[in-house]
Protein backbone atom coordinates (compact mmCIF):
# COMPACT_ATOMS: atom_id res chain seq x y z
CA MET A 1 35.24 7.18 32.50
CA PHE A 2 32.31 9.48 31.86
CA VAL A 3 29.48 9.33 34.39
CA LEU A 4 26.18 10.95 33.61
CA LEU A 5 24.42 12.24 36.66
CA LEU A 6 20.71 12.85 36.36
CA ALA A 7 18.39 14.43 38.83
CA ASN A 8 15.64 12.25 40.25
CA ALA A 9 13.04 14.38 38.43
CA GLU A 10 14.74 13.69 35.08
CA VAL A 11 14.88 9.97 35.77
CA GLU A 12 11.20 9.92 36.71
CA GLU A 13 10.28 11.93 33.60
CA TRP A 14 12.17 9.50 31.37
CA ALA A 15 10.65 6.47 33.16
CA THR A 16 7.14 7.86 32.65
CA TRP A 17 7.81 8.52 28.98
CA GLU A 18 9.30 5.04 28.48
CA ARG A 19 6.38 3.38 30.28
CA GLN A 20 3.88 5.17 28.03
CA ARG A 21 5.87 4.25 24.93
CA ARG A 22 5.90 0.58 25.88
CA GLU A 23 2.19 0.53 26.72
CA THR A 24 1.43 2.08 23.35
CA TRP A 25 3.57 -0.54 21.63
CA LEU A 26 1.79 -3.38 23.49
CA ARG A 27 -1.62 -2.09 22.35
CA GLY A 28 -0.60 -2.76 18.76
CA PRO A 29 -1.15 -0.68 15.63
CA ASN A 30 -2.27 2.82 16.36
CA ARG A 31 -5.22 4.66 14.88
CA LEU A 32 -2.98 6.35 12.32
CA ARG A 33 -3.30 3.28 10.10
CA TRP A 34 -7.01 3.95 9.66
CA SER A 35 -6.78 7.72 9.49
CA PRO A 36 -7.57 9.81 6.41
CA MET A 37 -3.84 10.51 6.05
CA TYR A 38 -3.17 6.77 5.73
CA TYR A 39 -5.70 6.44 2.91
CA ALA A 40 -4.43 9.59 1.21
CA ARG A 41 -0.87 8.23 1.28
CA THR A 42 -2.03 4.85 -0.03
CA ALA A 43 -3.92 6.55 -2.87
CA GLN A 44 -0.86 8.65 -3.69
CA LEU A 45 1.34 5.54 -3.87
CA ALA A 46 -1.19 3.77 -6.09
CA ALA A 47 -1.37 6.75 -8.45
CA GLU A 48 2.42 7.01 -8.62
CA GLY A 49 2.68 3.29 -9.30
CA ALA A 50 0.08 3.48 -12.07
CA LEU A 51 1.89 6.41 -13.67
CA SER A 52 5.18 4.56 -13.44
CA LEU A 53 3.70 1.50 -15.16
CA ILE A 54 2.13 3.63 -17.88
CA LEU A 55 5.37 5.45 -18.60
CA ARG A 56 7.39 2.22 -18.71
CA THR A 57 4.97 0.28 -20.90
CA SER A 58 4.40 0.90 -24.59
CA ILE A 59 0.93 1.89 -25.78
CA ARG A 60 0.77 -1.20 -27.98
CA ASP A 61 1.43 -3.52 -25.02
CA VAL A 62 -1.26 -1.80 -22.95
CA TYR A 63 -3.71 -2.02 -25.88
CA ASP A 64 -2.99 -5.72 -26.39
CA ARG A 65 -3.41 -6.52 -22.70
CA LEU A 66 -6.71 -4.63 -22.60
CA ILE A 67 -7.98 -6.54 -25.64
CA PHE A 68 -7.05 -9.89 -24.09
CA ALA A 69 -8.64 -8.87 -20.80
CA GLY A 70 -11.84 -8.00 -22.67
CA ILE A 71 -11.81 -11.35 -24.47
CA ASP A 72 -11.27 -13.18 -21.18
CA TRP A 73 -14.14 -11.22 -19.63
CA GLU A 74 -16.44 -12.22 -22.49
CA ASP A 75 -15.37 -15.84 -22.20
CA GLU A 76 -16.16 -15.91 -18.49
CA HIS A 77 -19.41 -13.94 -18.53
CA THR A 78 -21.25 -14.80 -21.73
CA VAL A 79 -23.27 -17.83 -22.71
CA TYR A 80 -21.79 -17.99 -26.19
CA ARG A 81 -18.06 -18.58 -26.17
CA THR A 82 -17.35 -17.11 -29.60
CA SER A 83 -14.47 -14.87 -28.59
CA ALA A 84 -12.05 -17.78 -28.27
CA THR A 85 -11.94 -18.02 -32.05
CA ARG A 86 -10.79 -14.39 -32.26
CA ARG A 87 -7.96 -14.83 -29.78
CA LYS A 88 -4.46 -14.16 -31.15
CA LYS A 89 -1.77 -16.65 -30.23
């Protein structure tokens, strides 16, 4: 059987570190979530996701979805609902 012997100073150092770690965990999310690095990483992921969608989708599909989005926008925000007659089925 292997027995690990630690000096009292090492045990106290570990206990202090562990206590601080647990207190930090109890306080909840740290400030890193709201740091500039968090927002930069989120922006990077959004840009990579957009590029991935663009590369996987044909230009015609993107064009058609943009046209339908424009028609929907007109239908919701104009007094005259004439765009419904132009809608492709």
